[in-house]
Amino acid sequence: MGYEEFKIKDLRVAKIVQNAKKFGEIRLQNEALVKELLSLKQISLDKQERDEIERIFVNLMKIEEEVQLSS
């Protein structure tokens, strides 16, 4: 067991990773990725920008589903 096992972890990161495992969300099981996402500087987006980002993510999820179904 290395020193890393005893380091105090960010509880937000631990909770997100734990829930990601519970719900089978592979991308958010990566602790380093979650830490990076939580450390990003907050930016302000207007409604139109948020709607566009939502549209992009919805389309990416649809593409992912279609790829999985075609495999």
N, C-alpha and C. Protein backbone atom coordinates (compact mmCIF):
# COMPACT_ATOMS: atom_id res chain seq x y z
N MET A 1 0.84 -1.16 0.00
CA MET A 1 0.00 0.00 0.00
C MET A 1 0.90 1.24 0.00
N GLY A 2 0.69 2.11 -0.94
CA GLY A 2 1.50 3.31 -1.05
C GLY A 2 0.94 4.46 -0.26
N TYR A 3 1.72 5.52 -0.20
CA TYR A 3 1.32 6.73 0.50
C TYR A 3 0.01 7.29 -0.06
N GLU A 4 -0.21 7.12 -1.36
CA GLU A 4 -1.42 7.66 -2.00
C GLU A 4 -2.69 7.15 -1.34
N GLU A 5 -2.65 5.96 -0.78
CA GLU A 5 -3.83 5.38 -0.15
C GLU A 5 -4.27 6.16 1.08
N PHE A 6 -3.34 6.90 1.70
CA PHE A 6 -3.64 7.59 2.95
C PHE A 6 -3.87 9.09 2.78
N LYS A 7 -3.72 9.60 1.58
CA LYS A 7 -3.94 11.02 1.34
C LYS A 7 -5.42 11.35 1.51
N ILE A 8 -5.69 12.52 2.07
CA ILE A 8 -7.07 12.97 2.21
C ILE A 8 -7.58 13.37 0.84
N LYS A 9 -8.71 12.85 0.47
CA LYS A 9 -9.28 13.12 -0.85
C LYS A 9 -10.37 14.17 -0.75
N ASP A 10 -10.58 14.86 -1.84
CA ASP A 10 -11.67 15.82 -1.94
C ASP A 10 -12.97 15.02 -1.90
N LEU A 11 -13.80 15.31 -0.92
CA LEU A 11 -15.03 14.53 -0.74
C LEU A 11 -15.97 14.67 -1.92
N ARG A 12 -15.96 15.85 -2.57
CA ARG A 12 -16.81 16.03 -3.76
C ARG A 12 -16.39 15.06 -4.86
N VAL A 13 -15.07 14.95 -5.06
CA VAL A 13 -14.55 14.05 -6.09
C VAL A 13 -14.91 12.61 -5.75
N ALA A 14 -14.68 12.23 -4.50
CA ALA A 14 -14.97 10.86 -4.08
C ALA A 14 -16.45 10.52 -4.27
N LYS A 15 -17.33 11.46 -3.94
CA LYS A 15 -18.77 11.22 -4.06
C LYS A 15 -19.18 11.09 -5.54
N ILE A 16 -18.62 11.96 -6.39
CA ILE A 16 -18.95 11.89 -7.82
C ILE A 16 -18.47 10.57 -8.41
N VAL A 17 -17.24 10.17 -8.08
CA VAL A 17 -16.70 8.91 -8.60
C VAL A 17 -17.52 7.73 -8.09
N GLN A 18 -17.89 7.78 -6.81
CA GLN A 18 -18.71 6.71 -6.23
C GLN A 18 -20.06 6.60 -6.94
N ASN A 19 -20.71 7.72 -7.18
CA ASN A 19 -22.00 7.70 -7.87
C ASN A 19 -21.85 7.29 -9.32
N ALA A 20 -20.75 7.68 -9.95
CA ALA A 20 -20.50 7.28 -11.33
C ALA A 20 -20.39 5.75 -11.43
N LYS A 21 -19.73 5.15 -10.47
CA LYS A 21 -19.62 3.68 -10.45
C LYS A 21 -20.99 3.05 -10.22
N LYS A 22 -21.75 3.67 -9.30
CA LYS A 22 -23.09 3.16 -8.97
C LYS A 22 -24.00 3.16 -10.19
N PHE A 23 -23.91 4.23 -11.01
CA PHE A 23 -24.79 4.37 -12.16
C PHE A 23 -24.15 3.94 -13.47
N GLY A 24 -22.93 3.41 -13.42
CA GLY A 24 -22.29 2.89 -14.62
C GLY A 24 -21.81 3.98 -15.59
N GLU A 25 -21.53 5.17 -15.09
CA GLU A 25 -21.04 6.27 -15.92
C GLU A 25 -19.51 6.20 -15.94
N ILE A 26 -18.97 5.61 -16.99
CA ILE A 26 -17.55 5.30 -17.07
C ILE A 26 -16.68 6.56 -17.04
N ARG A 27 -17.06 7.58 -17.79
CA ARG A 27 -16.22 8.78 -17.89
C ARG A 27 -15.98 9.44 -16.54
N LEU A 28 -16.98 9.48 -15.69
CA LEU A 28 -16.84 10.16 -14.40
C LEU A 28 -16.27 9.26 -13.31
N GLN A 29 -15.86 8.06 -13.66
CA GLN A 29 -15.18 7.20 -12.71
C GLN A 29 -13.68 7.54 -12.65
N ASN A 30 -13.23 8.37 -13.57
CA ASN A 30 -11.84 8.79 -13.62
C ASN A 30 -11.65 9.95 -12.64
N GLU A 31 -10.99 9.66 -11.52
CA GLU A 31 -10.82 10.65 -10.47
C GLU A 31 -10.05 11.88 -10.94
N ALA A 32 -9.03 11.69 -11.77
CA ALA A 32 -8.24 12.82 -12.28
C ALA A 32 -9.10 13.74 -13.14
N LEU A 33 -9.96 13.16 -13.96
CA LEU A 33 -10.85 13.96 -14.81
C LEU A 33 -11.82 14.77 -13.96
N VAL A 34 -12.40 14.15 -12.95
CA VAL A 34 -13.35 14.83 -12.08
C VAL A 34 -12.67 15.98 -11.35
N LYS A 35 -11.44 15.75 -10.85
CA LYS A 35 -10.69 16.81 -10.17
C LYS A 35 -10.47 17.98 -11.12
N GLU A 36 -10.10 17.69 -12.34
CA GLU A 36 -9.85 18.73 -13.32
C GLU A 36 -11.13 19.52 -13.62
N LEU A 37 -12.22 18.82 -13.79
CA LEU A 37 -13.49 19.49 -14.08
C LEU A 37 -13.91 20.41 -12.92
N LEU A 38 -13.69 19.96 -11.70
CA LEU A 38 -14.08 20.76 -10.54
C LEU A 38 -13.15 21.95 -10.32
N SER A 39 -11.93 21.86 -10.84
CA SER A 39 -10.98 22.95 -10.63
C SER A 39 -11.07 24.04 -11.69
N LEU A 40 -11.88 23.82 -12.72
CA LEU A 40 -11.99 24.81 -13.79
C LEU A 40 -12.61 26.09 -13.28
N LYS A 41 -12.16 27.20 -13.83
CA LYS A 41 -12.69 28.51 -13.48
C LYS A 41 -14.14 28.60 -13.97
N GLN A 42 -15.00 29.11 -13.13
CA GLN A 42 -16.40 29.26 -13.52
C GLN A 42 -16.53 30.39 -14.53
N ILE A 43 -17.36 30.16 -15.51
CA ILE A 43 -17.63 31.19 -16.50
C ILE A 43 -19.14 31.41 -16.55
N SER A 44 -19.51 32.57 -16.99
CA SER A 44 -20.94 32.89 -17.11
C SER A 44 -21.38 32.69 -18.55
N LEU A 45 -22.46 31.96 -18.71
CA LEU A 45 -23.02 31.73 -20.03
C LEU A 45 -24.47 32.21 -20.04
N ASP A 46 -24.85 32.82 -21.15
CA ASP A 46 -26.26 33.21 -21.24
C ASP A 46 -27.09 31.99 -21.68
N LYS A 47 -28.38 32.14 -21.69
CA LYS A 47 -29.28 31.01 -21.99
C LYS A 47 -29.01 30.42 -23.36
N GLN A 48 -28.78 31.25 -24.35
CA GLN A 48 -28.52 30.74 -25.70
C GLN A 48 -27.25 29.89 -25.74
N GLU A 49 -26.21 30.32 -25.05
CA GLU A 49 -24.97 29.55 -25.02
C GLU A 49 -25.17 28.22 -24.30
N ARG A 50 -25.91 28.24 -23.19
CA ARG A 50 -26.18 26.99 -22.47
C ARG A 50 -27.01 26.03 -23.32
N ASP A 51 -27.98 26.57 -24.05
CA ASP A 51 -28.81 25.74 -24.94
C ASP A 51 -27.96 25.10 -26.03
N GLU A 52 -27.02 25.85 -26.58
CA GLU A 52 -26.15 25.32 -27.63
C GLU A 52 -25.24 24.21 -27.08
N ILE A 53 -24.71 24.42 -25.89
CA ILE A 53 -23.86 23.40 -25.26
C ILE A 53 -24.68 22.15 -24.97
N GLU A 54 -25.90 22.34 -24.49
CA GLU A 54 -26.78 21.20 -24.24
C GLU A 54 -27.03 20.42 -25.53
N ARG A 55 -27.29 21.14 -26.61
CA ARG A 55 -27.54 20.51 -27.91
C ARG A 55 -26.33 19.68 -28.35
N ILE A 56 -25.15 20.22 -28.16
CA ILE A 56 -23.93 19.50 -28.53
C ILE A 56 -23.81 18.21 -27.74
N PHE A 57 -24.00 18.29 -26.41
CA PHE A 57 -23.88 17.09 -25.59
C PHE A 57 -24.95 16.05 -25.91
N VAL A 58 -26.16 16.50 -26.15
CA VAL A 58 -27.24 15.57 -26.51
C VAL A 58 -26.87 14.84 -27.81
N ASN A 59 -26.37 15.59 -28.79
CA ASN A 59 -25.97 14.96 -30.06
C ASN A 59 -24.81 13.99 -29.87
N LEU A 60 -23.85 14.35 -29.03
CA LEU A 60 -22.74 13.43 -28.76
C LEU A 60 -23.22 12.14 -28.10
N MET A 61 -24.17 12.26 -27.17
CA MET A 61 -24.71 11.06 -26.51
C MET A 61 -25.48 10.19 -27.50
N LYS A 62 -26.22 10.82 -28.42
CA LYS A 62 -26.94 10.06 -29.45
C LYS A 62 -25.95 9.32 -30.35
N ILE A 63 -24.88 9.99 -30.74
CA ILE A 63 -23.86 9.35 -31.57
C ILE A 63 -23.24 8.16 -30.83
N GLU A 64 -22.95 8.36 -29.55
CA GLU A 64 -22.37 7.27 -28.75
C GLU A 64 -23.32 6.07 -28.71
N GLU A 65 -24.60 6.32 -28.49
CA GLU A 65 -25.59 5.24 -28.44
C GLU A 65 -25.68 4.51 -29.78
N GLU A 66 -25.68 5.27 -30.88
CA GLU A 66 -25.78 4.67 -32.21
C GLU A 66 -24.55 3.81 -32.52
N VAL A 67 -23.39 4.26 -32.09
CA VAL A 67 -22.17 3.49 -32.31
C VAL A 67 -22.24 2.19 -31.52
N GLN A 68 -22.70 2.27 -30.28
CA GLN A 68 -22.80 1.06 -29.45
C GLN A 68 -23.81 0.09 -30.02
N LEU A 69 -24.92 0.59 -30.56
CA LEU A 69 -25.93 -0.28 -31.13
C LEU A 69 -25.45 -0.94 -32.42
N SER A 70 -24.60 -0.25 -33.17
CA SER A 70 -24.15 -0.80 -34.45
C SER A 70 -22.99 -1.77 -34.28
N SER A 71 -22.42 -1.83 -33.09
CA SER A 71 -21.28 -2.75 -32.85
C SER A 71 -21.72 -4.17 -32.64
